[in-house]
């Protein structure tokens, strides 16, 4: 595989695109066939671990993709880029499986079914046919060692491919923008620079009817808040577009299929108003987790109030606070009846790997309160929206080449969530509560998840809030679900279970 992939790169650099395309297709097909024959999860993980070079995980695929895109071979270029995304998703699934207790291992049939749904590459024609006229998919393909970046802008009526500067040249500008936002510093210069490099080429390829963008990012864009990037007219992107994210075009297409009934209406899988909201807030902390950085996290004084406010949007709400906001309660909850699952708690995503990544709930009932990624992926969710109202829940979990999804977002999508709202950096407790209040007020009026998030952010922006307090909350998955559609009774029927000592 490595030899053929490198040969394809060389052929592309020499301009022999027919040979490059045939060779790379043979390389990818050979690897996919090999992996499918591995019998155990250890063998499947081992296969993925050798599918890239330690210094260049992309093994030249970005060079081939860019060469094909420049030559107008858009369909072939996109298909290679999407197959790369599919392999990255399989890699993440295999890594989580490797961490699972073998005594409770998920059956191979379950893993195979997930792979078929979420990691089967969608073709360009299939994706275009499924896109609403108002939506565009913006699909990035990046490499290392000065390889070019290719961005595909897909709409219902056509596809444009643009070759952008190498990702290597944009790593530092992305990092400077994020640091400036976190420090409430002057970020407009970086937002304008990155806007000219990234946002302007995208916007110029879009028809006026497009109002929603689904970003399929590649590093370093997986941690970039596209909302704040400036367009050519000086406006931030959020003022023109609803923006959401997906780990691959295939996952986006699969989630849309799940959310759409046979007659094309969203949400026909269940009776309107029949499902509720489950909230975990201000969980009691484990006395000693054994991980120093988890044991020294500060208290969250606004988390309980946030949880209660979230619950007011539905008469079918259950709020778990304190010691009742436990890992055991999550694992034993009737999650198939939950439309919105909200966590107002601490979370940690360790850049060194999945073992240090967890959502922190209360201990008890035979559980330690430390919900790791492999445990999240084993849940049986049917939620339209999972909200991780905690610090830096959308950042990566430490695997070279990942898309910011090796941490807490991907496991929840794998478990069945249609959408996951998560954060790109550490959030202020009070500002997060206010932003969440705005989001849920809009959801309660029947808005889609993407529309509610954008509307809440614009309210914050116009009220003078710093981008640090709103730009870090991003939506992964299906942007068009309406989890709280239909009649409601605000404030009625809320059940609360709370720590008796509070």
Protein backbone atom coordinates (compact mmCIF):
# COMPACT_ATOMS: atom_id res chain seq x y z
CA UNK A 1 0.00 0.00 0.00
CA UNK A 2 2.71 2.48 0.99
CA UNK A 3 4.75 1.76 -2.12
CA UNK A 4 1.79 2.15 -4.45
CA UNK A 5 0.62 5.34 -2.72
CA UNK A 6 4.09 6.88 -3.06
CA UNK A 7 4.23 5.84 -6.69
CA UNK A 8 0.87 7.54 -7.30
CA UNK A 9 2.24 10.73 -5.74
CA UNK A 10 5.30 10.63 -8.00
CA UNK A 11 3.17 10.04 -11.10
CA UNK A 12 0.97 13.01 -10.19
CA UNK A 13 4.02 15.25 -9.75
CA UNK A 14 5.23 14.17 -13.19
CA UNK A 15 1.86 15.02 -14.69
CA UNK A 16 0.92 11.44 -15.55
CA UNK A 17 -2.54 11.66 -14.06
CA UNK A 18 -4.05 8.57 -15.66
CA UNK A 19 -1.36 6.41 -14.09
CA UNK A 20 -1.56 8.28 -10.77
CA UNK A 21 -5.31 7.73 -10.56
CA UNK A 22 -5.16 4.03 -11.42
CA UNK A 23 -2.28 3.44 -9.01
CA UNK A 24 -3.87 5.22 -6.05
CA UNK A 25 -7.18 3.44 -6.63
CA UNK A 26 -5.36 0.10 -6.63
CA UNK A 27 -3.51 1.04 -3.42
CA UNK A 28 -6.67 2.00 -1.54
CA UNK A 29 -8.63 -1.03 -2.76
CA UNK A 30 -5.79 -3.35 -1.78
CA UNK A 31 -5.66 -1.95 1.74
CA UNK A 32 -9.45 -2.01 2.21
CA UNK A 33 -9.62 -5.66 1.10
CA UNK A 34 -6.77 -6.58 3.44
CA UNK A 35 -8.35 -4.92 6.46
CA UNK A 36 -11.74 -6.52 5.83
CA UNK A 37 -10.15 -9.99 6.17
CA UNK A 38 -8.69 -9.35 9.67
CA UNK A 39 -10.51 -11.50 12.21
CA UNK A 40 -9.88 -9.76 15.53
CA UNK A 41 -10.09 -6.14 16.59
CA UNK A 42 -6.36 -6.23 17.43
CA UNK A 43 -5.55 -7.27 13.87
CA UNK A 44 -7.83 -4.60 12.41
CA UNK A 45 -6.21 -1.93 14.57
CA UNK A 46 -2.73 -3.17 13.64
CA UNK A 47 -3.65 -2.93 9.96
CA UNK A 48 -4.73 0.69 10.36
CA UNK A 49 -1.60 1.59 12.29
CA UNK A 50 0.62 0.76 9.30
CA UNK A 51 -1.56 2.50 6.72
CA UNK A 52 0.45 5.71 6.96
CA UNK A 53 3.93 7.04 7.48
CA UNK A 54 4.89 8.33 10.94
CA UNK A 55 6.14 11.61 9.45
CA UNK A 56 3.54 11.81 6.68
CA UNK A 57 0.27 10.05 7.57
CA UNK A 58 -1.25 11.22 4.30
CA UNK A 59 1.45 9.37 2.22
CA UNK A 60 1.06 11.80 -0.66
CA UNK A 61 -2.68 11.43 -1.24
CA UNK A 62 -3.19 15.21 -0.93
CA UNK A 63 -0.78 15.77 -3.82
CA UNK A 64 -2.71 13.37 -6.06
CA UNK A 65 -6.06 14.89 -5.05
CA UNK A 66 -4.86 18.42 -5.83
CA UNK A 67 -3.38 17.40 -9.19
CA UNK A 68 -6.64 15.73 -10.24
CA UNK A 69 -8.68 18.72 -9.05
CA UNK A 70 -6.51 21.15 -11.03
CA UNK A 71 -7.04 19.03 -14.13
CA UNK A 72 -10.81 19.11 -13.75
CA UNK A 73 -11.11 15.49 -12.59
CA UNK A 74 -13.27 16.58 -9.69
CA UNK A 75 -15.21 13.34 -9.15
CA UNK A 76 -12.07 11.22 -8.91
CA UNK A 77 -10.34 13.75 -6.66
CA UNK A 78 -13.34 13.90 -4.31
CA UNK A 79 -13.71 10.14 -4.16
CA UNK A 80 -10.08 9.75 -3.06
CA UNK A 81 -10.49 12.47 -0.43
CA UNK A 82 -13.65 10.86 0.93
CA UNK A 83 -12.11 7.38 1.04
CA UNK A 84 -9.33 8.88 3.15
CA UNK A 85 -11.93 10.27 5.58
CA UNK A 86 -13.63 6.87 5.75
CA UNK A 87 -10.36 5.22 6.70
CA UNK A 88 -9.74 7.80 9.43
CA UNK A 89 -13.18 7.07 10.88
CA UNK A 90 -12.48 3.34 10.83
CA UNK A 91 -9.21 4.06 12.58
CA UNK A 92 -11.01 5.95 15.36
CA UNK A 93 -13.61 3.21 15.76
CA UNK A 94 -10.89 0.54 15.97
CA UNK A 95 -8.94 2.52 18.57
CA UNK A 96 -12.02 2.87 20.77
CA UNK A 97 -12.77 -0.82 20.33
CA UNK A 98 -9.22 -1.67 21.41
CA UNK A 99 -9.81 0.15 24.71
CA UNK A 100 -13.06 -1.66 25.47
CA UNK A 101 -13.15 -4.41 28.08
CA UNK A 102 -12.97 -7.69 26.10
CA UNK A 103 -15.51 -9.22 28.50
CA UNK A 104 -18.10 -6.70 27.28
CA UNK A 105 -16.81 -6.35 23.75
CA UNK A 106 -19.32 -5.18 21.17
CA UNK A 107 -20.03 -8.00 18.69
CA UNK A 108 -18.15 -7.88 15.41
CA UNK A 109 -21.50 -7.66 13.61
CA UNK A 110 -22.22 -4.36 15.42
CA UNK A 111 -18.85 -2.93 14.40
CA UNK A 112 -19.37 -4.07 10.81
CA UNK A 113 -22.82 -2.45 10.73
CA UNK A 114 -21.44 0.84 12.02
CA UNK A 115 -18.62 0.75 9.49
CA UNK A 116 -21.11 0.16 6.70
CA UNK A 117 -23.21 3.16 7.74
CA UNK A 118 -20.59 5.70 8.77
CA UNK A 119 -17.44 4.71 6.90
CA UNK A 120 -18.77 3.75 3.45
CA UNK A 121 -17.53 6.50 1.14
CA UNK A 122 -20.36 8.38 -0.54
CA UNK A 123 -19.84 9.29 -4.20
CA UNK A 124 -20.01 12.83 -5.51
CA UNK A 125 -23.21 12.09 -7.46
CA UNK A 126 -24.90 10.48 -4.42
CA UNK A 127 -24.09 13.44 -2.20
CA UNK A 128 -25.20 16.08 -4.69
CA UNK A 129 -28.53 14.32 -5.23
CA UNK A 130 -29.19 14.39 -1.47
CA UNK A 131 -28.32 18.05 -0.86
CA UNK A 132 -31.05 20.65 -0.34
CA UNK A 133 -30.68 23.73 -2.55
CA UNK A 134 -29.90 25.86 0.51
CA UNK A 135 -26.98 23.67 1.66
CA UNK A 136 -23.40 23.28 0.49
CA UNK A 137 -20.84 20.77 1.73
CA UNK A 138 -17.34 22.24 2.05
CA UNK A 139 -14.92 19.31 2.06
CA UNK A 140 -11.23 19.89 2.88
CA UNK A 141 -8.34 17.60 1.98
CA UNK A 142 -4.95 18.49 3.44
CA UNK A 143 -1.54 16.92 3.65
CA UNK A 144 1.86 17.56 5.22
CA UNK A 145 5.30 18.64 4.04
CA UNK A 146 4.00 21.51 1.92
CA UNK A 147 1.38 19.47 0.06
CA UNK A 148 -1.46 21.60 -1.33
CA UNK A 149 -4.89 21.89 0.27
CA UNK A 150 -7.91 21.06 -1.87
CA UNK A 151 -11.39 22.26 -0.95
CA UNK A 152 -14.47 20.87 -2.67
CA UNK A 153 -17.58 23.08 -2.60
CA UNK A 154 -20.56 20.84 -3.35
CA UNK A 155 -24.09 22.05 -4.02
CA UNK A 156 -27.18 20.38 -5.45
CA UNK A 157 -26.36 21.83 -8.87
CA UNK A 158 -22.62 21.36 -9.13
CA UNK A 159 -19.18 21.02 -7.58
CA UNK A 160 -16.22 23.35 -7.58
CA UNK A 161 -12.72 22.35 -6.50
CA UNK A 162 -10.20 24.96 -5.41
CA UNK A 163 -6.54 24.41 -4.53
CA UNK A 164 -5.57 26.49 -1.49
CA UNK A 165 -2.25 27.14 0.30
CA UNK A 166 -0.61 24.17 2.04
CA UNK A 167 -1.98 23.36 5.50
CA UNK A 168 1.55 23.73 6.90
CA UNK A 169 1.43 27.45 6.10
CA UNK A 170 -1.89 27.90 7.91
CA UNK A 171 -1.13 26.06 11.16
CA UNK A 172 0.34 29.12 12.88
CA UNK A 173 -2.36 31.59 11.70
CA UNK A 174 -5.05 29.19 12.96
CA UNK A 175 -3.27 28.83 16.30
CA UNK A 176 -2.81 32.61 16.64
CA UNK A 177 -6.50 33.24 15.94
CA UNK A 178 -7.63 30.72 18.53
CA UNK A 179 -5.22 32.06 21.17
CA UNK A 180 -6.37 35.62 20.50
CA UNK A 181 -10.02 34.60 20.83
CA UNK A 182 -9.36 32.74 24.08
CA UNK A 183 -7.47 35.71 25.52
CA UNK A 184 -10.16 38.19 24.38
CA UNK A 185 -7.42 39.88 22.40
CA UNK A 186 -7.39 41.53 18.99
CA UNK A 187 -8.33 38.72 16.63
CA UNK A 188 -9.63 40.58 13.60
CA UNK A 189 -6.28 40.64 11.79
CA UNK A 190 -6.03 36.86 11.90
CA UNK A 191 -9.73 36.48 11.07
CA UNK A 192 -9.21 38.67 8.00
CA UNK A 193 -6.04 36.81 6.93
CA UNK A 194 -7.61 33.39 7.24
CA UNK A 195 -10.79 34.68 5.68
CA UNK A 196 -8.89 35.76 2.59
CA UNK A 197 -7.11 32.40 2.39
CA UNK A 198 -10.08 30.14 3.16
CA UNK A 199 -13.48 31.84 3.41
CA UNK A 200 -13.28 34.06 0.32
CA UNK A 201 -12.53 31.21 -2.15
CA UNK A 202 -15.39 29.19 -0.65
CA UNK A 203 -17.90 32.06 -0.74
CA UNK A 204 -17.01 32.95 -4.34
CA UNK A 205 -17.96 29.42 -5.43
CA UNK A 206 -21.41 29.53 -3.81
CA UNK A 207 -24.72 30.57 -5.38
CA UNK A 208 -26.70 33.20 -3.52
CA UNK A 209 -29.36 30.65 -2.51
CA UNK A 210 -26.94 28.77 -0.25
CA UNK A 211 -27.40 29.75 3.39
CA UNK A 212 -26.03 26.69 5.19
CA UNK A 213 -22.52 25.25 5.09
CA UNK A 214 -21.53 21.78 6.27
CA UNK A 215 -17.79 21.88 6.87
CA UNK A 216 -15.88 18.60 6.53
CA UNK A 217 -12.54 19.73 7.97
CA UNK A 218 -9.02 18.38 7.87
CA UNK A 219 -6.21 19.39 10.21
CA UNK A 220 -5.53 22.20 11.07
CA UNK A 221 -9.09 23.37 10.34
CA UNK A 222 -10.72 20.88 12.74
CA UNK A 223 -10.30 23.38 15.61
CA UNK A 224 -11.02 26.53 13.57
CA UNK A 225 -14.21 28.50 14.39
CA UNK A 226 -15.29 29.34 10.84
CA UNK A 227 -18.00 31.67 12.23
CA UNK A 228 -15.47 34.44 12.86
CA UNK A 229 -13.60 34.34 9.52
CA UNK A 230 -14.11 37.51 7.51
CA UNK A 231 -15.65 37.47 4.06
CA UNK A 232 -14.56 39.84 1.31
CA UNK A 233 -17.19 42.41 2.38
CA UNK A 234 -15.82 42.49 5.94
CA UNK A 235 -18.64 40.51 7.54
CA UNK A 236 -17.90 37.43 9.64
CA UNK A 237 -19.12 34.19 8.07
CA UNK A 238 -21.81 33.76 10.74
CA UNK A 239 -23.66 36.79 9.38
CA UNK A 240 -24.18 35.03 6.04
CA UNK A 241 -24.23 31.31 6.86
CA UNK A 242 -25.46 28.72 9.31
CA UNK A 243 -22.35 26.61 9.82
CA UNK A 244 -22.14 23.04 11.05
CA UNK A 245 -19.48 20.33 10.83
CA UNK A 246 -19.30 16.67 9.83
CA UNK A 247 -16.44 14.16 10.11
CA UNK A 248 -17.00 13.10 6.50
CA UNK A 249 -19.48 13.60 3.70
CA UNK A 250 -20.54 9.98 4.16
CA UNK A 251 -21.43 10.55 7.83
CA UNK A 252 -23.41 13.67 6.92
CA UNK A 253 -25.35 11.73 4.28
CA UNK A 254 -25.97 8.83 6.70
CA UNK A 255 -27.26 11.16 9.43
CA UNK A 256 -29.58 12.91 6.99
CA UNK A 257 -31.00 9.55 5.97
CA UNK A 258 -31.61 8.69 9.64
CA UNK A 259 -33.40 11.98 10.26
CA UNK A 260 -35.61 11.88 7.16
CA UNK A 261 -38.74 9.76 6.84
CA UNK A 262 -39.77 7.89 3.71
CA UNK A 263 -41.92 10.83 2.62
CA UNK A 264 -39.04 13.28 3.08
CA UNK A 265 -40.32 14.95 6.25
CA UNK A 266 -37.84 15.32 9.06
CA UNK A 267 -38.46 13.37 12.21
CA UNK A 268 -41.25 11.06 11.05
CA UNK A 269 -39.56 8.20 12.92
CA UNK A 270 -41.33 9.23 16.15
CA UNK A 271 -44.48 10.92 17.36
CA UNK A 272 -44.08 14.66 17.83
CA UNK A 273 -43.51 15.53 21.46
CA UNK A 274 -43.25 11.90 22.57
CA UNK A 275 -39.60 12.11 23.54
CA UNK A 276 -38.02 14.26 26.20
CA UNK A 277 -34.93 16.00 27.54
CA UNK A 278 -32.46 14.37 29.92
CA UNK A 279 -30.04 16.70 31.70
CA UNK A 280 -27.00 15.91 33.84
CA UNK A 281 -25.79 18.93 35.80
CA UNK A 282 -23.13 19.74 38.39
CA UNK A 283 -22.29 16.09 39.10
CA UNK A 284 -20.70 15.22 42.42
CA UNK A 285 -16.98 14.74 41.87
CA UNK A 286 -15.21 11.41 42.44
CA UNK A 287 -13.15 11.66 45.62
CA UNK A 288 -10.02 10.46 43.85
CA UNK A 289 -9.93 9.60 40.17
CA UNK A 290 -6.24 8.72 40.08
CA UNK A 291 -5.61 11.39 37.44
CA UNK A 292 -4.19 14.57 38.94
CA UNK A 293 -5.59 16.98 36.35
CA UNK A 294 -9.11 15.60 36.89
CA UNK A 295 -8.89 15.91 40.67
CA UNK A 296 -7.93 19.61 40.57
CA UNK A 297 -10.69 20.91 38.28
CA UNK A 298 -12.53 23.96 39.69
CA UNK A 299 -16.21 23.90 40.74
CA UNK A 300 -18.94 24.89 38.25
CA UNK A 301 -21.21 27.30 40.15
CA UNK A 302 -23.54 27.89 37.17
CA UNK A 303 -23.91 24.27 36.05
CA UNK A 304 -26.91 23.37 38.23
CA UNK A 305 -28.78 26.53 37.22
CA UNK A 306 -27.98 25.85 33.56
CA UNK A 307 -29.35 22.33 33.89
CA UNK A 308 -32.62 23.55 35.40
CA UNK A 309 -33.03 26.24 32.71
CA UNK A 310 -32.47 23.70 29.94
CA UNK A 311 -35.14 21.43 31.42
CA UNK A 312 -37.76 24.19 31.29
CA UNK A 313 -38.02 23.88 27.50
CA UNK A 314 -39.94 20.61 27.66
CA UNK A 315 -42.66 19.14 29.88
CA UNK A 316 -40.92 15.78 29.44
CA UNK A 317 -37.67 16.67 31.19
CA UNK A 318 -35.62 14.87 33.80
CA UNK A 319 -32.80 16.71 35.57
CA UNK A 320 -30.12 14.81 37.47
CA UNK A 321 -27.96 16.88 39.80
CA UNK A 322 -25.14 16.21 42.23
CA UNK A 323 -24.71 12.56 43.18
CA UNK A 324 -27.68 11.63 40.96
CA UNK A 325 -25.89 12.96 37.88
CA UNK A 326 -24.01 9.71 37.74
CA UNK A 327 -22.40 7.48 35.15
CA UNK A 328 -24.64 4.64 36.33
CA UNK A 329 -27.75 6.76 35.77
CA UNK A 330 -26.61 7.52 32.22
CA UNK A 331 -25.94 3.90 31.39
CA UNK A 332 -29.29 2.72 32.78
CA UNK A 333 -31.45 5.54 31.38
CA UNK A 334 -34.07 4.76 28.68
CA UNK A 335 -32.04 6.67 26.10
CA UNK A 336 -34.30 5.69 23.19
CA UNK A 337 -36.90 8.06 24.70
CA UNK A 338 -34.49 11.01 24.83
CA UNK A 339 -34.57 13.69 22.10
CA UNK A 340 -32.00 15.95 23.79
CA UNK A 341 -29.22 14.78 26.12
CA UNK A 342 -27.46 17.65 27.88
CA UNK A 343 -24.34 17.56 30.06
CA UNK A 344 -23.41 20.60 32.18
CA UNK A 345 -20.30 19.19 33.75
CA UNK A 346 -16.55 18.85 33.41
CA UNK A 347 -14.84 17.02 30.57
CA UNK A 348 -11.20 16.50 29.71
CA UNK A 349 -9.76 15.78 26.28
CA UNK A 350 -6.13 14.72 26.54
CA UNK A 351 -3.97 15.64 23.52
CA UNK A 352 -1.75 12.68 24.36
CA UNK A 353 -4.43 10.06 23.68
CA UNK A 354 -7.81 8.56 24.42
CA UNK A 355 -6.89 7.16 27.87
CA UNK A 356 -6.85 10.66 29.35
CA UNK A 357 -10.11 11.70 27.67
CA UNK A 358 -13.40 11.51 29.56
CA UNK A 359 -16.72 13.06 30.44
CA UNK A 360 -16.84 13.39 34.23
CA UNK A 361 -20.05 12.43 36.02
CA UNK A 362 -20.79 11.32 39.58
CA UNK A 363 -19.58 7.91 40.83
CA UNK A 364 -21.83 5.26 42.31
CA UNK A 365 -23.77 2.18 41.35
CA UNK A 366 -20.58 0.30 40.59
CA UNK A 367 -19.25 3.02 38.26
CA UNK A 368 -16.36 5.42 38.84
CA UNK A 369 -18.00 8.46 37.19
CA UNK A 370 -15.31 8.66 34.51
CA UNK A 371 -17.05 8.07 31.17
CA UNK A 372 -14.40 7.33 28.57
CA UNK A 373 -14.86 7.48 24.78
CA UNK A 374 -15.28 3.73 24.38
CA UNK A 375 -18.05 3.81 26.99
CA UNK A 376 -19.83 6.67 25.23
CA UNK A 377 -19.71 4.82 21.91
CA UNK A 378 -21.35 1.79 23.57
CA UNK A 379 -24.49 3.77 24.53
CA UNK A 380 -27.66 3.16 22.52
CA UNK A 381 -28.70 6.69 21.60
CA UNK A 382 -31.52 7.94 19.42
CA UNK A 383 -31.06 11.61 20.31
CA UNK A 384 -31.48 14.44 17.84
CA UNK A 385 -28.99 16.45 19.87
CA UNK A 386 -26.36 15.81 22.54
CA UNK A 387 -24.92 18.93 24.16
CA UNK A 388 -21.49 18.76 25.80
CA UNK A 389 -21.57 21.99 27.78
CA UNK A 390 -18.07 21.55 29.14
CA UNK A 391 -14.56 22.69 28.26
CA UNK A 392 -12.90 21.83 24.93
CA UNK A 393 -15.14 18.86 24.13
CA UNK A 394 -14.73 19.25 20.34
CA UNK A 395 -10.94 19.17 20.23
CA UNK A 396 -8.95 16.15 19.17
CA UNK A 397 -7.90 13.25 21.31
CA UNK A 398 -4.33 12.98 20.14
CA UNK A 399 -4.00 10.97 16.93
CA UNK A 400 -1.98 12.34 14.04
CA UNK A 401 -4.24 13.30 11.17
CA UNK A 402 -7.48 13.18 13.13
CA UNK A 403 -10.31 15.61 12.54
CA UNK A 404 -10.97 16.69 16.10
CA UNK A 405 -13.20 13.68 16.63
CA UNK A 406 -11.07 11.17 18.49
CA UNK A 407 -12.26 12.67 21.76
CA UNK A 408 -15.93 12.91 22.76
CA UNK A 409 -17.87 13.86 19.61
CA UNK A 410 -17.23 10.84 17.38
CA UNK A 411 -18.16 8.26 20.04
CA UNK A 412 -21.54 9.94 20.54
CA UNK A 413 -22.26 9.99 16.79
CA UNK A 414 -21.16 6.37 16.66
CA UNK A 415 -23.60 5.62 19.52
CA UNK A 416 -26.52 7.02 17.51
CA UNK A 417 -26.67 10.79 18.14
CA UNK A 418 -27.72 12.79 15.07
CA UNK A 419 -26.01 15.94 16.28
CA UNK A 420 -23.47 16.88 18.94
CA UNK A 421 -22.88 20.45 20.16
CA UNK A 422 -19.40 20.75 21.65
CA UNK A 423 -16.78 23.37 22.48
CA UNK A 424 -13.43 24.27 20.93
CA UNK A 425 -11.85 25.72 24.08
CA UNK A 426 -12.33 26.22 27.82
CA UNK A 427 -15.58 28.09 28.37
CA UNK A 428 -16.58 30.62 30.99
CA UNK A 429 -19.22 29.12 33.28
CA UNK A 430 -21.51 32.15 33.35
CA UNK A 431 -21.18 33.01 29.65
CA UNK A 432 -21.88 29.39 28.71
CA UNK A 433 -25.07 29.37 30.79
CA UNK A 434 -26.31 32.51 29.04
CA UNK A 435 -25.49 31.13 25.57
CA UNK A 436 -27.23 27.85 26.35
CA UNK A 437 -30.31 29.70 27.52
CA UNK A 438 -30.49 31.48 24.17
CA UNK A 439 -29.98 28.25 22.22
CA UNK A 440 -32.74 26.39 24.06
CA UNK A 441 -35.21 29.26 23.80
CA UNK A 442 -34.87 28.98 20.04
CA UNK A 443 -35.04 25.19 20.02
CA UNK A 444 -38.25 25.45 22.04
CA UNK A 445 -39.73 27.61 19.26
CA UNK A 446 -39.15 24.73 16.86
CA UNK A 447 -35.95 25.95 15.18
CA UNK A 448 -33.44 23.50 13.78
CA UNK A 449 -30.28 22.86 15.77
CA UNK A 450 -28.10 24.85 13.35
CA UNK A 451 -30.54 27.77 13.18
CA UNK A 452 -30.89 27.89 16.96
CA UNK A 453 -27.13 27.89 17.46
CA UNK A 454 -26.55 30.61 14.86
CA UNK A 455 -29.38 32.75 16.22
CA UNK A 456 -28.05 32.49 19.77
CA UNK A 457 -24.57 33.45 18.61
CA UNK A 458 -25.84 36.46 16.66
CA UNK A 459 -27.78 37.60 19.74
CA UNK A 460 -24.58 37.38 21.78
CA UNK A 461 -22.58 39.18 19.09
CA UNK A 462 -25.09 42.03 18.86
CA UNK A 463 -25.21 42.28 22.65
CA UNK A 464 -21.47 42.98 22.65
CA UNK A 465 -20.25 39.58 23.88
CA UNK A 466 -16.67 38.71 22.97
CA UNK A 467 -16.27 35.92 20.38
CA UNK A 468 -14.61 33.84 23.09
CA UNK A 469 -18.02 33.52 24.75
CA UNK A 470 -19.93 32.24 21.69
CA UNK A 471 -17.67 31.20 18.80
CA UNK A 472 -16.31 28.11 20.56
CA UNK A 473 -19.64 26.24 20.54
CA UNK A 474 -19.95 24.24 17.33
CA UNK A 475 -22.40 21.68 15.96
CA UNK A 476 -21.29 18.34 14.52
CA UNK A 477 -23.68 16.09 12.62
CA UNK A 478 -27.10 16.73 11.09
CA UNK A 479 -27.89 20.48 11.23
CA UNK A 480 -31.58 20.21 10.30
CA UNK A 481 -33.08 18.19 13.16
CA UNK A 482 -35.76 19.93 15.25
CA UNK A 483 -35.57 18.11 18.58
CA UNK A 484 -38.20 20.25 20.34
CA UNK A 485 -40.65 20.78 17.48
CA UNK A 486 -44.36 20.80 18.20
CA UNK A 487 -46.51 21.97 21.12
CA UNK A 488 -44.94 22.35 24.53
CA UNK A 489 -45.67 23.54 28.05
CA UNK A 490 -42.82 25.62 29.39
CA UNK A 491 -41.95 24.86 32.97
CA UNK A 492 -44.42 22.06 33.52
CA UNK A 493 -43.68 18.48 34.39
CA UNK A 494 -39.98 18.85 35.13
CA UNK A 495 -38.59 16.18 37.41
CA UNK A 496 -35.40 16.81 39.36
CA UNK A 497 -33.24 14.38 41.24
CA UNK A 498 -30.64 16.17 43.32
CA UNK A 499 -27.88 15.53 45.80
CA UNK A 500 -29.65 15.62 49.19
CA UNK A 501 -26.68 17.41 50.76
CA UNK A 502 -26.80 20.35 48.39
